Structure formats: structure tokens, C-alpha cells
């Protein structure tokens, strides 16, 4: 067996170092996002919720604090939403980013890193845009609940219906298609993404598929409590299970069954039967 040239050994070592650095940077982003999410949720929870007619408590995520402007309240929500989505979605995104990086390795480490960064930015830009769209809707509904007691009393029932619909979505053909797109996402020829912004657009397309795939779980988190760390953790585990399990579609159906059961319990409580 011939000895390997020194240059070949050095090249392999550089690849391992770059791979380790890539994993380390991703882990750092995940840890920072998770820490920020926990800190923000803990801070908001310490302020307490607002008891509402109907026996539920309004999350302070949708409320404007005393002395806070609407732009300031929106910025606080978007900051919390951004940290939460990175913490929840980055683990599920890692396989796709690793494949993208592998496809770009021949272009050099710096360009491969830039390629992966563009894809990640495009992906999370879609999630941030979703948060921007959701905040005014949630703020308006919160204001309506504060002003109209009949609407406030109907909120627990509506929440149960939404969780039921989220469970039904988990069992739907649309969910299966979105999940298949997310699991099969892979780069084609790197030359297609060489132009400035093309990789970003590819990441945004992947973000669109992911938002569609996670629509049911996102609705559950928003309804149960956008500041509830337990709901976030359960959603993150479910999302990762759907992506990493050998039979992700089966995991999605199991999650759907759990949401249907939870929605039924919520409706029973709202109707005074539990």
C-alpha cells in the first residue's frame, strides 16, 4: 500500500477542520437563539398574563405594555419570534444546509460558507416575514378580546377548533406533500446558484415549503401560547421527528392524532363538560 502524499493528508485535515467549524458555528447560533428565547419568555412570563372573560389568560406577547409604542411592541414580538424560529427550526434545517455545503465544497471553503449563509438567510427571512404578518392580526384580535366580552368568552372554543384543524391538517395530503418537499430538498448543480442572490431565493423557497409543512404546529403554538416554552419544545420535537425519522409521514400522523385529542379536550373544557 503506497503512502499517501502529504498534500493529500493536509487537504483531508483541512476539510475536517472546515466541517468542524461549520458544525460549531451552527451550534453557536442554535445556543444563542435558544438562550434568547428562554430569556425573553421568562421575562414576559414574569410580568404575568391578563385574565380574560372565559377563563383564559392573554399572553403579553400580543399586548402593548404601558409606555410602549406600537412599533416598539411589534419590534419586541419580531425579536422574540425570530429567536424562537431559529431555535426551533435550525436543527431540522441542518441536513439540507449540510447537503448544500457539500455541493459547494469544490468552490472553496469561503464560497461554500457564503453559499450556506445565503440559503439560511433566505430560509429564515420567510419565517420572519410570517411573524411580521402575524403580529398585527394577533394584536387586533387581542384588542377585540379586551373590548368585546362576548368575543373573549368565545376564545377558548375557537382555540379548540383551531387545534382540531391543526390536527386535521397533519393528516392531510397537503401536509404530506409539504413534508416530502422538505425531506427531499437537495441542491442540484451548484452552477445554478452561483449568481448573487440565487442561493437566497432557493433558501426562501425551502422556507416556503417548511412554513406550509409546519402550518398545523405553528397554529398550535400560537393558540396554546406563543410564549409557552413547553409548547415550543413539543413543536420543535415534533418537527425534528418528522424530518429525521425514517418514516416521517407516520410521525406526522401521530402528531396529528395528538392534536386532535388535545383539541377535543379543549373544546370539552370550553363547553363546560370537563
Protein backbone atom coordinates (compact mmCIF):
# COMPACT_ATOMS: atom_id res chain seq x y z
CA UNK A 1 0.00 0.00 0.00
CA UNK A 2 1.54 3.27 -1.10
CA UNK A 3 1.92 6.09 1.36
CA UNK A 4 -0.47 8.98 0.94
CA UNK A 5 1.14 12.25 -0.21
CA UNK A 6 1.50 14.91 2.44
CA UNK A 7 -0.62 17.30 0.38
CA UNK A 8 -3.50 14.81 0.30
CA UNK A 9 -3.32 14.30 4.05
CA UNK A 10 -3.27 18.07 4.63
CA UNK A 11 -6.25 18.52 2.32
CA UNK A 12 -8.25 15.96 4.26
CA UNK A 13 -7.32 17.60 7.54
CA UNK A 14 -8.44 20.99 6.21
CA UNK A 15 -11.77 19.51 5.15
CA UNK A 16 -12.28 18.07 8.62
CA UNK A 17 -11.39 21.38 10.24
CA UNK A 18 -13.80 23.26 7.98
CA UNK A 19 -16.53 20.70 8.64
CA UNK A 20 -15.96 21.02 12.37
CA UNK A 21 -16.02 24.80 12.16
CA UNK A 22 -19.29 24.70 10.20
CA UNK A 23 -20.94 22.50 12.82
CA UNK A 24 -19.56 24.69 15.58
CA UNK A 25 -20.94 27.89 14.06
CA UNK A 26 -24.37 26.29 13.59
CA UNK A 27 -24.32 25.03 17.20
CA UNK A 28 -23.37 28.51 18.40
CA UNK A 29 -26.29 30.10 16.56
CA UNK A 30 -28.63 27.47 17.99
CA UNK A 31 -27.39 28.01 21.55
CA UNK A 32 -27.65 31.80 21.27
CA UNK A 33 -31.17 31.61 19.80
CA UNK A 34 -32.29 29.13 22.44
CA UNK A 35 -30.85 31.23 25.26
CA UNK A 36 -32.54 34.36 23.92
CA UNK A 37 -35.84 32.56 23.54
CA UNK A 38 -35.75 31.26 27.11
CA UNK A 39 -34.69 34.68 28.45
CA UNK A 40 -37.44 36.55 26.57
CA UNK A 41 -40.14 34.05 27.51
CA UNK A 42 -39.06 34.02 31.14
CA UNK A 43 -39.05 37.82 31.23
CA UNK A 44 -42.51 38.03 29.66
CA UNK A 45 -43.89 35.29 31.91
CA UNK A 46 -42.64 37.11 34.99
CA UNK A 47 -44.89 40.03 34.07
CA UNK A 48 -47.88 37.68 34.21
CA UNK A 49 -50.75 37.37 31.78
CA UNK A 50 -54.02 39.21 31.66
CA UNK A 51 -57.04 37.24 32.99
CA UNK A 52 -59.87 37.42 30.47
CA UNK A 53 -63.61 36.63 30.48
CA UNK A 54 -63.98 33.00 29.52
CA UNK A 55 -61.36 31.69 31.94
CA UNK A 56 -58.25 32.17 29.82
CA UNK A 57 -55.19 34.39 30.12
CA UNK A 58 -53.97 36.66 27.35
CA UNK A 59 -50.27 36.36 26.56
CA UNK A 60 -48.29 39.56 26.97
CA UNK A 61 -46.72 38.85 23.57
CA UNK A 62 -49.76 40.42 21.89
CA UNK A 63 -50.25 43.27 24.36
CA UNK A 64 -48.65 46.71 24.31
CA UNK A 65 -47.01 47.41 27.65
CA UNK A 66 -47.52 50.68 29.47
CA UNK A 67 -45.46 53.42 27.83
CA UNK A 68 -44.61 51.23 24.84
CA UNK A 69 -45.34 52.39 21.30
CA UNK A 70 -46.90 50.11 18.71
CA UNK A 71 -43.68 50.00 16.65
CA UNK A 72 -41.80 49.10 19.83
CA UNK A 73 -44.28 46.35 20.68
CA UNK A 74 -44.05 44.98 17.15
CA UNK A 75 -40.24 45.05 17.27
CA UNK A 76 -40.27 43.14 20.58
CA UNK A 77 -42.55 40.49 19.10
CA UNK A 78 -40.46 40.13 15.93
CA UNK A 79 -37.28 39.78 18.01
CA UNK A 80 -38.88 37.06 20.12
CA UNK A 81 -40.36 35.37 17.04
CA UNK A 82 -37.02 35.41 15.20
CA UNK A 83 -35.11 33.88 18.10
CA UNK A 84 -37.84 31.27 18.58
CA UNK A 85 -37.88 30.20 14.92
CA UNK A 86 -34.10 29.86 14.75
CA UNK A 87 -34.10 27.74 17.93
CA UNK A 88 -36.97 25.55 16.70
CA UNK A 89 -36.13 25.23 13.01
CA UNK A 90 -32.33 25.22 12.77
CA UNK A 91 -31.97 21.55 13.84
CA UNK A 92 -34.48 20.48 11.19
CA UNK A 93 -32.73 22.64 8.58
CA UNK A 94 -29.23 21.30 9.26
CA UNK A 95 -29.39 18.26 6.92
CA UNK A 96 -30.38 20.47 3.99
CA UNK A 97 -27.67 23.03 4.79
CA UNK A 98 -25.09 20.24 5.05
CA UNK A 99 -26.06 18.98 1.61
CA UNK A 100 -25.82 22.50 0.20
CA UNK A 101 -22.39 22.94 1.73
CA UNK A 102 -21.23 19.60 0.32
CA UNK A 103 -22.40 20.66 -3.13
CA UNK A 104 -20.37 23.87 -2.88
CA UNK A 105 -17.20 22.37 -1.39
CA UNK A 106 -15.48 22.31 -4.76
CA UNK A 107 -15.85 26.08 -4.97
CA UNK A 108 -13.63 26.59 -1.93
CA UNK A 109 -14.41 26.91 1.81
CA UNK A 110 -15.12 30.65 1.73
CA UNK A 111 -17.56 30.42 -1.15
CA UNK A 112 -19.19 27.32 0.32
CA UNK A 113 -19.74 29.19 3.59
CA UNK A 114 -21.20 32.17 1.75
CA UNK A 115 -23.47 29.82 -0.18
CA UNK A 116 -24.80 28.21 3.00
CA UNK A 117 -25.27 31.61 4.65
CA UNK A 118 -27.38 32.85 1.74
CA UNK A 119 -29.59 29.76 1.88
CA UNK A 120 -30.06 30.12 5.65
CA UNK A 121 -30.84 33.84 5.35
CA UNK A 122 -33.40 33.20 2.64
CA UNK A 123 -34.99 30.44 4.71
CA UNK A 124 -35.33 32.44 7.92
CA UNK A 125 -36.36 35.60 6.06
CA UNK A 126 -39.60 33.79 5.16
CA UNK A 127 -40.19 32.87 8.81
CA UNK A 128 -39.53 36.45 9.94
CA UNK A 129 -41.92 37.71 7.26
CA UNK A 130 -44.55 35.34 8.66
CA UNK A 131 -44.05 36.86 12.11
CA UNK A 132 -44.39 40.36 10.66
CA UNK A 133 -47.69 39.34 9.07
CA UNK A 134 -48.99 37.59 12.19
CA UNK A 135 -48.35 40.36 14.72
CA UNK A 136 -50.98 42.88 13.52
CA UNK A 137 -53.55 40.09 13.27
CA UNK A 138 -52.81 38.90 16.80
CA UNK A 139 -52.73 42.45 18.17
CA UNK A 140 -56.11 43.24 16.60
CA UNK A 141 -57.66 40.06 17.97
CA UNK A 142 -56.21 40.85 21.41
CA UNK A 143 -57.70 44.35 21.28
CA UNK A 144 -61.05 42.88 20.22
CA UNK A 145 -60.97 40.46 23.14
CA UNK A 146 -60.29 43.35 25.51
CA UNK A 147 -63.19 45.40 24.16
CA UNK A 148 -65.83 42.73 23.46
CA UNK A 149 -66.51 40.35 26.34
CA UNK A 150 -68.59 38.01 24.15
CA UNK A 151 -65.64 37.55 21.82
CA UNK A 152 -63.35 36.95 24.79
CA UNK A 153 -65.64 34.23 26.14
CA UNK A 154 -65.61 32.53 22.74
CA UNK A 155 -61.80 32.44 22.55
CA UNK A 156 -61.34 29.08 24.36
CA UNK A 157 -63.83 27.44 21.99
CA UNK A 158 -62.14 28.97 18.94
CA UNK A 159 -58.76 27.83 20.22
CA UNK A 160 -60.03 24.28 20.49
CA UNK A 161 -61.36 24.43 16.93
CA UNK A 162 -58.01 25.73 15.65
CA UNK A 163 -56.11 22.92 17.37
CA UNK A 164 -58.56 20.41 15.86
CA UNK A 165 -57.97 21.91 12.43
CA UNK A 166 -54.21 21.75 13.05
CA UNK A 167 -54.56 18.04 13.80
CA UNK A 168 -56.63 17.50 10.66
CA UNK A 169 -54.00 19.32 8.61
CA UNK A 170 -51.35 16.95 9.94
CA UNK A 171 -53.33 14.08 8.38
CA UNK A 172 -53.95 15.85 5.06
CA UNK A 173 -52.46 15.32 1.60
CA UNK A 174 -51.16 18.91 1.63
CA UNK A 175 -49.13 18.19 4.76
CA UNK A 176 -47.72 15.03 3.20
CA UNK A 177 -46.65 16.93 0.09
CA UNK A 178 -45.01 19.77 2.00
CA UNK A 179 -43.20 17.27 4.23
CA UNK A 180 -41.96 15.33 1.22
CA UNK A 181 -40.59 18.54 -0.30
CA UNK A 182 -38.79 19.41 2.94
CA UNK A 183 -37.30 15.93 3.37
CA UNK A 184 -36.22 15.66 -0.27
CA UNK A 185 -34.75 19.16 -0.53
CA UNK A 186 -31.33 18.82 -2.09
CA UNK A 187 -29.08 21.02 -4.21
CA UNK A 188 -28.75 20.31 -7.87
CA UNK A 189 -25.88 21.74 -9.89
CA UNK A 190 -24.06 24.36 -7.83
CA UNK A 191 -23.67 26.37 -11.02
CA UNK A 192 -27.38 27.18 -10.78
CA UNK A 193 -26.77 29.02 -7.51
CA UNK A 194 -23.58 30.79 -8.47
CA UNK A 195 -25.27 34.10 -9.28
CA UNK A 196 -25.70 36.64 -6.50
CA UNK A 197 -29.00 36.07 -4.67
CA UNK A 198 -29.86 32.77 -6.37
CA UNK A 199 -28.98 30.75 -3.27
CA UNK A 200 -31.02 33.18 -1.16
CA UNK A 201 -34.04 32.57 -3.38
CA UNK A 202 -33.52 28.83 -3.09
CA UNK A 203 -33.46 29.16 0.71
CA UNK A 204 -36.64 31.24 0.58
CA UNK A 205 -38.30 28.51 -1.49
CA UNK A 206 -37.28 25.96 1.12
CA UNK A 207 -38.64 28.27 3.82
CA UNK A 208 -41.96 28.41 1.99
CA UNK A 209 -42.18 24.61 1.92
CA UNK A 210 -41.27 24.48 5.61
CA UNK A 211 -43.88 27.06 6.62
CA UNK A 212 -46.50 25.04 4.77
CA UNK A 213 -45.31 21.82 6.39
CA UNK A 214 -45.34 23.35 9.89
CA UNK A 215 -48.64 25.24 9.50
CA UNK A 216 -50.51 23.00 11.94
CA UNK A 217 -47.82 23.05 14.62
CA UNK A 218 -47.35 26.80 14.20
CA UNK A 219 -51.08 27.33 14.71
CA UNK A 220 -50.93 25.16 17.83
CA UNK A 221 -48.08 27.23 19.30
CA UNK A 222 -49.89 30.50 18.54
CA UNK A 223 -53.10 29.27 20.13
CA UNK A 224 -51.68 27.48 23.17
CA UNK A 225 -49.29 30.33 23.92
CA UNK A 226 -46.61 31.91 21.78
CA UNK A 227 -44.60 32.50 24.96
CA UNK A 228 -45.12 28.97 26.29
CA UNK A 229 -41.77 27.18 26.35
CA UNK A 230 -43.46 23.80 26.70
CA UNK A 231 -45.50 24.32 23.54
CA UNK A 232 -42.38 25.45 21.68
CA UNK A 233 -40.40 22.44 22.87
CA UNK A 234 -43.15 20.00 21.87
CA UNK A 235 -43.43 21.62 18.44
CA UNK A 236 -39.65 21.52 17.95
CA UNK A 237 -39.52 17.83 18.87
CA UNK A 238 -42.41 17.05 16.52
CA UNK A 239 -40.83 18.97 13.64
CA UNK A 240 -37.45 17.29 14.13
CA UNK A 241 -39.15 13.89 14.37
CA UNK A 242 -40.93 14.45 11.06
CA UNK A 243 -37.67 15.39 9.36
CA UNK A 244 -35.26 12.87 10.90
CA UNK A 245 -37.37 9.75 11.43
CA UNK A 246 -37.17 7.04 8.78
CA UNK A 247 -40.94 7.30 8.28
CA UNK A 248 -41.62 10.99 8.77
CA UNK A 249 -45.14 10.71 7.42
CA UNK A 250 -46.04 8.31 10.23
CA UNK A 251 -44.64 10.74 12.81
CA UNK A 252 -46.77 13.50 11.26
CA UNK A 253 -49.88 11.34 11.58
CA UNK A 254 -49.09 10.53 15.22
CA UNK A 255 -48.66 14.24 15.94
CA UNK A 256 -51.96 14.88 14.15
CA UNK A 257 -53.73 12.37 16.33
CA UNK A 258 -52.33 14.01 19.45
CA UNK A 259 -53.51 17.43 18.26
CA UNK A 260 -56.99 16.08 17.52
CA UNK A 261 -57.17 14.66 21.04
CA UNK A 262 -55.89 17.92 22.56
CA UNK A 263 -58.39 19.92 20.52
CA UNK A 264 -61.22 17.71 21.72
CA UNK A 265 -60.18 18.23 25.34
CA UNK A 266 -60.01 21.99 24.80
CA UNK A 267 -63.50 22.03 23.28
CA UNK A 268 -64.84 19.96 26.17
CA UNK A 269 -63.38 22.39 28.68
CA UNK A 270 -64.69 25.37 26.73
CA UNK A 271 -68.15 23.84 26.70
CA UNK A 272 -68.08 23.18 30.42
CA UNK A 273 -68.01 19.39 30.07
CA UNK A 274 -64.61 18.94 31.71
